[in-house]
Amino acid sequence: MDFSFVRGKPDIPKGHALAYFTANDNSGQLFATYIIVLPIAMDVGKYLPPMLAAQMGQITADDFSAFAVPPVPEAIENMAYLENLAEMRDEDLLDCGSVDIAQVTDLMQKVNELTKSYADSYAGSLQHVATSGSDSSSVQSEYGVEEVLYHLLSERDKLGELSKIVTKIRFAAEREDLTTIEEMARTASVLMKYLPESYAVSELLKTAKNPSQKAADLCRLYLERNYMLIDQDFTSIKAVDEAISELEKEVGP
C-alpha cells in the first residue's frame, strides 16, 4: 500500500509510526492507528499450549513481527494533535490517503497492507545498513553497527549516548585533541538521524567544541532541556530556554 512520510525519513524508518487516513466524505476527519515493528523476532508457537498450537497450525515469527493497534483506525482530534504527538514521542508520521470509513472490512485490509509495507521498508533499511557495513572499510563497518544499535535504543537511552559524546568532545577540546573530536563528530552524525530536530543537536555539538566554562554550562542546559522534552515537563522548559538564550549571547557563534 502507498503512503508518504509526513515526519521521518523513508530510507530510515524508525520501526514505529503513527499512521492516519482521511475520511473521503468531505468532512476532513482523521482516523489513526499505531504501527509497531518488533526489533526482536519472536517464536509465538512455543508460548502456546500444545493443543492450541496444533489448532493454529504453523505460526512463523513473521506473522507477529509487525502489527497495528488499533486494527481499525480511531478518530483523531486534528492534524496538529498528531504532529505534536509524533514530535513528542519521536515517531514516524505516515499519510495513508483517503478512505471510506464506513467500509470497516476494507479499512482493516488497508491497515494490514500498510503494516506489511512499513515493516518491509524497515527490514530493507536494516539490510542496507548491514550490507553497507560488510562491503565498506572497517571504520564504515563500525558506524554501520552503531546505526543498527541506535535503531533499537529508547529515546532516553539515545540521549544518554548523546551526553557521552558531548562529554568526550568537551574533554578532547580541552586537550586540543582534534582526532577524538573528529571521531566523536562522526559518531554523533549517525546518532542525529534518530533524534528530532527539537533537540538542537547541531548547536549542542558545536558548543561542546568550545572549551570555555560558559560553553560547558550551555551544553548542560541543552541536555537538560532535551530530558524535559522526554518527560513532557513543559512548565520548566520556558525558564531553561531563557537561560539558554542568555548564555548563547555570551558564548557567541
Protein backbone atom coordinates (compact mmCIF):
# COMPACT_ATOMS: atom_id res chain seq x y z
CA MET A 1 0.00 0.00 0.00
CA ASP A 2 1.20 3.51 -0.83
CA PHE A 3 1.89 6.01 1.96
CA SER A 4 4.06 9.07 2.43
CA PHE A 5 6.23 10.26 5.31
CA VAL A 6 4.98 13.49 6.88
CA ARG A 7 7.62 13.05 9.59
CA GLY A 8 10.60 10.72 9.49
CA LYS A 9 12.90 9.51 6.74
CA PRO A 10 11.67 6.97 4.15
CA ASP A 11 15.16 5.45 3.85
CA ILE A 12 15.48 5.01 7.64
CA PRO A 13 12.08 4.09 9.15
CA LYS A 14 12.13 4.08 12.96
CA GLY A 15 10.12 0.86 13.26
CA HIS A 16 7.23 2.63 14.99
CA ALA A 17 4.81 5.04 13.34
CA LEU A 18 1.57 6.94 13.73
CA ALA A 19 -0.43 6.38 10.54
CA TYR A 20 -3.54 8.32 9.58
CA PHE A 21 -6.29 8.16 6.99
CA THR A 22 -8.61 10.97 5.89
CA ALA A 23 -12.34 10.32 5.50
CA ASN A 24 -13.43 10.76 1.88
CA ASP A 25 -16.80 12.28 2.83
CA ASN A 26 -15.53 15.89 2.68
CA SER A 27 -15.60 16.12 6.49
CA GLY A 28 -11.79 16.11 6.72
CA GLN A 29 -12.00 13.84 9.78
CA LEU A 30 -8.77 11.96 10.52
CA PHE A 31 -8.51 8.37 11.70
CA ALA A 32 -5.25 6.96 13.05
CA THR A 33 -3.57 3.76 14.15
CA TYR A 34 -0.12 2.93 15.55
CA ILE A 35 2.27 0.56 13.78
CA ILE A 36 4.97 -1.35 15.64
CA VAL A 37 7.72 -3.46 14.08
CA LEU A 38 9.28 -5.71 16.70
CA PRO A 39 13.08 -5.35 16.81
CA ILE A 40 13.50 -8.93 18.08
CA ALA A 41 11.95 -11.93 16.33
CA MET A 42 9.58 -13.98 18.49
CA ASP A 43 8.52 -17.60 18.02
CA VAL A 44 4.92 -17.32 19.25
CA GLY A 45 4.26 -21.04 18.84
CA LYS A 46 6.47 -22.01 21.76
CA TYR A 47 4.36 -19.91 24.16
CA LEU A 48 1.09 -21.64 23.23
CA PRO A 49 -0.30 -24.84 24.82
CA PRO A 50 0.27 -27.86 22.53
CA MET A 51 -3.45 -28.27 21.77
CA LEU A 52 -3.89 -24.61 20.78
CA ALA A 53 -0.66 -24.61 18.78
CA ALA A 54 -1.90 -27.61 16.77
CA GLN A 55 -5.20 -25.88 16.01
CA MET A 56 -3.48 -22.72 14.80
CA GLY A 57 -1.13 -24.61 12.50
CA GLN A 58 2.27 -23.33 11.51
CA ILE A 59 2.95 -19.94 13.08
CA THR A 60 6.07 -18.12 11.97
CA ALA A 61 7.87 -15.21 13.58
CA ASP A 62 6.92 -13.10 10.56
CA ASP A 63 3.24 -13.46 11.46
CA PHE A 64 3.85 -11.45 14.64
CA SER A 65 6.81 -9.30 13.64
CA ALA A 66 4.69 -6.23 12.98
CA PHE A 67 1.18 -5.17 13.90
CA ALA A 68 -1.14 -2.16 14.10
CA VAL A 69 -3.09 -1.10 17.17
CA PRO A 70 -5.98 -0.48 16.91
CA PRO A 71 -6.65 -2.69 13.86
CA VAL A 72 -9.36 -0.27 12.73
CA PRO A 73 -8.16 3.37 12.94
CA GLU A 74 -9.81 5.58 15.55
CA ALA A 75 -10.97 9.19 15.09
CA ILE A 76 -8.36 11.83 15.97
CA GLU A 77 -8.98 15.43 17.06
CA ASN A 78 -6.96 17.15 14.35
CA MET A 79 -3.68 17.16 12.44
CA ALA A 80 -1.94 19.41 14.97
CA TYR A 81 -2.56 16.81 17.68
CA LEU A 82 -0.98 14.08 15.56
CA GLU A 83 2.02 16.23 14.63
CA ASN A 84 2.66 17.22 18.25
CA LEU A 85 2.29 13.61 19.39
CA ALA A 86 4.73 12.39 16.74
CA GLU A 87 7.24 15.09 17.68
CA MET A 88 6.97 14.44 21.41
CA ARG A 89 7.32 10.66 21.03
CA ASP A 90 9.75 10.83 18.08
CA GLU A 91 7.51 8.74 15.83
CA ASP A 92 7.34 8.40 12.08
CA LEU A 93 4.12 10.02 10.83
CA LEU A 94 2.51 8.46 7.76
CA ASP A 95 -0.14 9.91 5.45
CA CYS A 96 -2.09 6.94 4.09
CA GLY A 97 -4.58 8.76 1.89
CA SER A 98 -8.38 8.90 1.95
CA VAL A 99 -10.75 6.06 2.74
CA ASP A 100 -14.43 5.27 3.16
CA ILE A 101 -14.51 4.93 6.93
CA ALA A 102 -17.85 3.08 6.78
CA GLN A 103 -16.22 0.14 4.97
CA VAL A 104 -14.69 -1.47 8.05
CA THR A 105 -13.57 -4.69 6.36
CA ASP A 106 -11.87 -2.79 3.56
CA LEU A 107 -10.23 -0.45 6.08
CA MET A 108 -8.84 -3.36 8.10
CA GLN A 109 -7.36 -4.78 4.90
CA LYS A 110 -5.73 -1.44 4.13
CA VAL A 111 -4.22 -1.34 7.62
CA ASN A 112 -2.83 -4.86 7.17
CA GLU A 113 -1.29 -3.90 3.83
CA LEU A 114 0.10 -0.70 5.33
CA THR A 115 1.67 -2.60 8.23
CA LYS A 116 3.36 -5.03 5.86
CA SER A 117 4.64 -2.24 3.61
CA TYR A 118 6.06 -0.28 6.53
CA ALA A 119 7.64 -3.41 8.03
CA ASP A 120 9.21 -4.23 4.66
CA SER A 121 10.67 -0.72 4.49
CA TYR A 122 12.10 -1.10 7.99
CA ALA A 123 13.60 -4.51 7.19
CA GLY A 124 15.06 -3.13 3.96
CA SER A 125 16.78 -0.28 5.80
CA LEU A 126 18.37 -2.70 8.27
CA GLN A 127 19.52 -4.92 5.43
CA HIS A 128 21.03 -1.92 3.65
CA VAL A 129 22.94 -0.93 6.78
CA ALA A 130 24.23 -4.48 7.27
CA THR A 131 25.26 -4.81 3.62
CA SER A 132 26.95 -1.41 3.54
CA GLY A 133 28.86 -2.28 6.69
CA SER A 134 30.13 -5.59 5.31
CA ASP A 135 31.22 -4.09 2.00
CA SER A 136 32.96 -0.99 3.38
CA SER A 137 36.11 -0.26 5.30
CA SER A 138 36.46 -1.17 8.97
CA VAL A 139 35.55 2.38 10.00
CA GLN A 140 32.37 2.34 7.90
CA SER A 141 31.52 -1.10 9.28
CA GLU A 142 31.86 0.20 12.82
CA TYR A 143 29.41 3.01 12.18
CA GLY A 144 27.05 0.61 10.38
CA VAL A 145 26.83 -1.46 13.57
CA GLU A 146 26.21 1.69 15.62
CA GLU A 147 23.39 2.66 13.27
CA VAL A 148 21.64 -0.66 13.85
CA LEU A 149 22.06 -0.27 17.61
CA TYR A 150 20.66 3.25 17.57
CA HIS A 151 17.58 1.85 15.84
CA LEU A 152 16.87 -0.23 18.94
CA LEU A 153 17.58 2.28 21.73
CA SER A 154 14.82 4.03 23.62
CA GLU A 155 14.61 7.81 23.38
CA ARG A 156 16.13 8.23 26.86
CA ASP A 157 18.99 5.87 26.02
CA LYS A 158 19.70 7.83 22.82
CA LEU A 159 20.01 10.97 24.90
CA GLY A 160 22.34 9.09 27.23
CA GLU A 161 24.55 8.26 24.26
CA LEU A 162 24.44 11.89 23.15
CA SER A 163 25.53 13.02 26.64
CA LYS A 164 28.52 10.66 26.49
CA ILE A 165 29.53 12.01 23.08
CA VAL A 166 29.31 15.61 24.31
CA THR A 167 31.43 14.79 27.36
CA LYS A 168 34.13 13.18 25.18
CA ILE A 169 34.13 16.14 22.77
CA ARG A 170 34.49 18.63 25.61
CA PHE A 171 37.33 16.68 27.20
CA ALA A 172 39.08 16.41 23.82
CA ALA A 173 38.57 20.14 23.17
CA GLU A 174 40.27 20.99 26.47
CA ARG A 175 43.27 18.90 25.38
CA GLU A 176 43.10 20.14 21.77
CA ASP A 177 42.71 16.52 20.68
CA LEU A 178 41.37 17.08 17.15
CA THR A 179 41.40 13.37 16.26
CA THR A 180 38.98 12.46 19.05
CA ILE A 181 36.77 15.45 18.26
CA GLU A 182 36.50 14.34 14.63
CA GLU A 183 35.80 10.73 15.62
CA MET A 184 33.04 11.76 18.06
CA ALA A 185 31.56 14.10 15.44
CA ARG A 186 31.24 11.16 13.02
CA THR A 187 29.56 9.07 15.70
CA ALA A 188 27.22 11.94 16.51
CA SER A 189 26.27 12.30 12.83
CA VAL A 190 24.91 8.74 12.94
CA LEU A 191 23.02 9.27 16.19
CA MET A 192 21.50 12.54 14.91
CA LYS A 193 19.46 10.59 12.36
CA TYR A 194 17.43 9.14 15.22
CA LEU A 195 16.88 12.32 17.22
CA PRO A 196 14.26 15.01 16.47
CA GLU A 197 15.29 18.50 15.37
CA SER A 198 13.76 19.92 18.56
CA TYR A 199 16.79 18.55 20.46
CA ALA A 200 19.06 21.11 18.76
CA VAL A 201 21.83 18.53 18.45
CA SER A 202 23.86 20.55 15.92
CA GLU A 203 24.00 23.54 18.27
CA LEU A 204 24.89 21.27 21.19
CA LEU A 205 27.79 19.62 19.35
CA LYS A 206 29.10 22.95 18.11
CA THR A 207 29.06 24.34 21.66
CA ALA A 208 30.77 21.21 23.02
CA LYS A 209 33.86 22.04 20.95
CA ASN A 210 34.25 25.31 22.87
CA PRO A 211 36.45 24.60 25.95
CA SER A 212 35.15 27.58 27.99
CA GLN A 213 33.17 27.16 31.22
CA LYS A 214 30.22 29.13 29.83
CA ALA A 215 30.08 26.72 26.89
CA ALA A 216 30.04 23.83 29.38
CA ASP A 217 27.10 25.44 31.18
CA LEU A 218 25.30 25.90 27.87
CA CYS A 219 25.81 22.24 26.94
CA ARG A 220 24.34 21.22 30.29
CA LEU A 221 21.26 23.38 29.66
CA TYR A 222 20.78 21.94 26.16
CA LEU A 223 20.83 18.42 27.60
CA GLU A 224 18.54 19.33 30.50
CA ARG A 225 16.03 20.76 28.03
CA ASN A 226 16.05 17.55 25.99
CA TYR A 227 15.31 15.42 29.04
CA MET A 228 12.46 17.80 29.90
CA LEU A 229 11.02 17.17 26.43
CA ILE A 230 11.08 13.42 27.07
CA ASP A 231 9.44 13.89 30.48
CA GLN A 232 6.93 16.36 29.00
CA ASP A 233 7.99 18.88 31.63
CA PHE A 234 6.87 21.83 29.53
CA THR A 235 6.47 24.08 32.57
CA SER A 236 10.20 24.08 33.28
CA ILE A 237 11.30 24.42 29.66
CA LYS A 238 10.45 28.12 29.46
CA ALA A 239 12.94 29.04 32.20
CA VAL A 240 15.62 26.86 30.62
CA ASP A 241 15.01 28.42 27.19
CA GLU A 242 15.54 31.87 28.71
CA ALA A 243 18.79 30.76 30.36
CA ILE A 244 19.96 29.20 27.07
CA SER A 245 19.20 32.40 25.18
CA GLU A 246 21.29 34.48 27.61
CA LEU A 247 24.25 32.08 27.55
CA GLU A 248 24.17 31.82 23.76
CA LYS A 249 24.76 35.58 23.62
CA GLU A 250 27.78 35.27 25.90
CA VAL A 251 29.31 32.19 24.26
CA GLY A 252 28.80 33.61 20.77
CA PRO A 253 28.92 31.78 17.41
